[in-house]
């Protein structure tokens, strides 16, 4: 069962984890992806930033509002391509940390109740979703992308680990 306090524990740590993992790394670690149509750690961080600006908290506020339709604006999963242009990884890390702190402050100010968690909004693809589902997805979304960043980085050494690859699930898919 969804627990907002437990979810917040993860959400507040993600910027710190990313900062420790990515800050001041060489461009090979930051810009390498898994091939055409895939994302590098730089791209993933840009995607997380776009979500902080346009997804989780704006949608939470729609659910909690008195707006009749409660329909979410579609999320552009590739907006980071243009939005991150010209920024360093350290710029993105700072932006993410700042945005996440502000969003967690906004979340806490809502004093979400058990009843609030059952309130709904309308997702453009999924239809009706609850606030609990949205906030749980925000948490798992972070964990998904932390895992993705680790996988993308590890894949750079997939041909270098030799026979140990059999023990490294991250390299075997």
Protein backbone atom coordinates (compact mmCIF):
# COMPACT_ATOMS: atom_id res chain seq x y z
CA UNK A 1 0.00 0.00 0.00
CA UNK A 2 1.25 3.45 -0.91
CA UNK A 3 2.88 5.38 1.93
CA UNK A 4 3.64 9.06 1.23
CA UNK A 5 6.27 9.27 3.96
CA UNK A 6 8.18 6.31 2.51
CA UNK A 7 7.84 7.69 -1.02
CA UNK A 8 9.21 11.05 0.08
CA UNK A 9 12.26 9.33 1.55
CA UNK A 10 13.19 8.21 -1.97
CA UNK A 11 12.16 11.41 -3.73
CA UNK A 12 14.33 13.58 -1.48
CA UNK A 13 17.40 11.36 -1.99
CA UNK A 14 17.36 11.13 -5.79
CA UNK A 15 19.10 14.50 -6.41
CA UNK A 16 21.87 13.60 -3.94
CA UNK A 17 22.37 10.17 -5.50
CA UNK A 18 22.61 11.70 -8.97
CA UNK A 19 24.95 14.42 -7.79
CA UNK A 20 27.31 11.88 -6.25
CA UNK A 21 27.10 9.59 -9.26
CA UNK A 22 27.40 12.11 -12.10
CA UNK A 23 29.04 15.32 -10.84
CA UNK A 24 32.24 16.14 -12.71
CA UNK A 25 32.45 12.83 -14.60
CA UNK A 26 34.08 12.75 -18.01
CA UNK A 27 31.85 13.21 -21.04
CA UNK A 28 32.22 9.53 -21.96
CA UNK A 29 30.30 8.56 -18.82
CA UNK A 30 27.74 11.36 -19.23
CA UNK A 31 27.04 11.40 -22.96
CA UNK A 32 27.29 7.74 -23.99
CA UNK A 33 24.01 5.94 -24.63
CA UNK A 34 23.08 2.40 -25.65
CA UNK A 35 22.58 3.18 -29.33
CA UNK A 36 20.10 4.98 -31.58
CA UNK A 37 16.90 6.00 -29.84
CA UNK A 38 18.32 5.54 -26.33
CA UNK A 39 19.26 8.02 -23.66
CA UNK A 40 22.55 8.90 -22.00
CA UNK A 41 22.74 9.87 -18.31
CA UNK A 42 22.70 13.50 -19.52
CA UNK A 43 19.45 12.90 -21.42
CA UNK A 44 17.87 11.07 -18.48
CA UNK A 45 18.70 13.92 -16.11
CA UNK A 46 17.15 16.39 -18.56
CA UNK A 47 14.04 14.20 -18.68
CA UNK A 48 13.82 14.17 -14.88
CA UNK A 49 14.09 17.97 -14.85
CA UNK A 50 11.27 18.31 -17.38
CA UNK A 51 9.13 16.06 -15.18
CA UNK A 52 9.80 18.27 -12.18
CA UNK A 53 8.60 21.28 -14.16
CA UNK A 54 5.57 19.87 -15.95
CA UNK A 55 4.47 16.51 -14.60
CA UNK A 56 4.29 15.43 -10.97
CA UNK A 57 3.42 18.54 -9.00
CA UNK A 58 1.32 20.23 -11.71
CA UNK A 59 -0.73 17.04 -12.02
CA UNK A 60 -1.03 16.70 -8.25
CA UNK A 61 -2.36 20.25 -8.09
CA UNK A 62 -4.89 19.45 -10.83
CA UNK A 63 -6.12 16.44 -8.85
CA UNK A 64 -6.43 18.49 -5.66
CA UNK A 65 -8.09 21.43 -7.43
CA UNK A 66 -11.77 22.13 -7.83
CA UNK A 67 -11.39 22.09 -11.62
CA UNK A 68 -14.24 20.15 -13.14
CA UNK A 69 -12.34 18.28 -15.86
CA UNK A 70 -9.11 17.55 -13.94
CA UNK A 71 -7.49 16.60 -17.24
CA UNK A 72 -3.70 16.49 -17.38
CA UNK A 73 -1.70 18.18 -20.11
CA UNK A 74 0.14 15.53 -22.17
CA UNK A 75 3.77 15.06 -21.09
CA UNK A 76 6.49 15.49 -23.71
CA UNK A 77 8.92 12.65 -22.89
CA UNK A 78 11.55 14.14 -25.21
CA UNK A 79 11.41 17.83 -24.26
CA UNK A 80 14.84 17.57 -22.63
CA UNK A 81 16.50 17.41 -26.04
CA UNK A 82 15.92 21.12 -26.57
CA UNK A 83 15.63 22.25 -22.94
CA UNK A 84 19.04 20.87 -21.90
CA UNK A 85 20.87 22.22 -24.92
CA UNK A 86 24.11 24.00 -24.00
CA UNK A 87 23.98 23.08 -20.31
CA UNK A 88 26.66 21.13 -18.49
CA UNK A 89 25.88 18.07 -16.39
CA UNK A 90 26.64 20.16 -13.31
CA UNK A 91 24.11 22.78 -14.47
CA UNK A 92 21.50 20.06 -14.84
CA UNK A 93 22.31 18.57 -11.44
CA UNK A 94 21.86 21.99 -9.83
CA UNK A 95 18.60 22.59 -11.69
CA UNK A 96 17.25 19.18 -10.68
CA UNK A 97 18.22 19.61 -7.04
CA UNK A 98 16.57 23.06 -6.89
CA UNK A 99 13.39 21.97 -8.65
CA UNK A 100 13.01 18.81 -6.58
CA UNK A 101 13.46 20.73 -3.31
CA UNK A 102 10.78 23.21 -4.37
CA UNK A 103 8.45 20.41 -5.44
CA UNK A 104 8.89 18.54 -2.17
CA UNK A 105 8.10 21.76 -0.30
CA UNK A 106 4.94 22.14 -2.37
CA UNK A 107 4.03 18.50 -1.71
CA UNK A 108 4.49 18.88 2.05
CA UNK A 109 2.43 22.10 2.12
CA UNK A 110 -0.55 20.21 0.71
CA UNK A 111 -0.87 18.14 3.92
CA UNK A 112 -2.09 15.20 1.86
CA UNK A 113 -4.71 13.12 3.66
CA UNK A 114 -5.75 9.51 3.07
CA UNK A 115 -8.87 10.90 1.42
CA UNK A 116 -6.77 13.13 -0.87
CA UNK A 117 -4.85 10.07 -2.08
CA UNK A 118 -8.09 8.65 -3.50
CA UNK A 119 -8.91 11.78 -5.50
CA UNK A 120 -8.56 11.43 -9.25
CA UNK A 121 -7.42 13.21 -12.35
CA UNK A 122 -7.64 12.30 -16.01
CA UNK A 123 -4.47 11.11 -17.74
CA UNK A 124 -4.49 11.59 -21.55
CA UNK A 125 -3.55 7.93 -22.16
CA UNK A 126 -4.69 6.00 -19.07
CA UNK A 127 -7.90 7.78 -18.15
CA UNK A 128 -8.75 8.13 -14.48
CA UNK A 129 -5.81 7.87 -12.04
CA UNK A 130 -5.60 8.52 -8.33
CA UNK A 131 -3.25 10.85 -6.52
CA UNK A 132 -1.73 7.82 -4.78
CA UNK A 133 -0.98 6.27 -8.18
CA UNK A 134 0.58 9.50 -9.43
CA UNK A 135 2.82 9.88 -6.37
CA UNK A 136 3.78 6.19 -6.39
CA UNK A 137 4.69 6.53 -10.06
CA UNK A 138 6.82 9.59 -9.33
CA UNK A 139 8.79 7.51 -6.83
CA UNK A 140 9.16 4.46 -9.07
CA UNK A 141 9.99 6.74 -12.03
CA UNK A 142 13.01 8.01 -10.07
CA UNK A 143 14.11 4.46 -9.25
CA UNK A 144 13.58 3.37 -12.85
CA UNK A 145 15.82 6.12 -14.17
CA UNK A 146 18.48 5.56 -11.49
CA UNK A 147 18.58 1.97 -12.66
CA UNK A 148 18.68 3.07 -16.30
CA UNK A 149 21.61 5.42 -15.66
CA UNK A 150 23.52 2.62 -13.93
CA UNK A 151 22.79 0.23 -16.80
CA UNK A 152 23.87 2.73 -19.47
CA UNK A 153 27.09 3.45 -17.61
CA UNK A 154 27.83 -0.23 -16.94
CA UNK A 155 27.27 -1.14 -20.58
CA UNK A 156 30.42 0.79 -21.50
CA UNK A 157 32.44 -2.05 -19.99
CA UNK A 158 30.31 -4.97 -21.16
CA UNK A 159 33.03 -6.33 -23.43
CA UNK A 160 35.77 -5.64 -20.88
CA UNK A 161 34.54 -7.72 -17.94
CA UNK A 162 35.28 -11.01 -19.64
CA UNK A 163 33.78 -14.12 -18.08
CA UNK A 164 32.43 -12.16 -15.08
CA UNK A 165 29.60 -11.03 -17.34
CA UNK A 166 27.74 -14.17 -16.28
CA UNK A 167 27.47 -12.69 -12.75
CA UNK A 168 26.62 -9.14 -13.83
CA UNK A 169 22.89 -9.08 -14.55
CA UNK A 170 23.09 -5.36 -15.34
CA UNK A 171 25.06 -6.29 -18.48
CA UNK A 172 22.88 -9.22 -19.52
CA UNK A 173 19.55 -7.41 -19.72
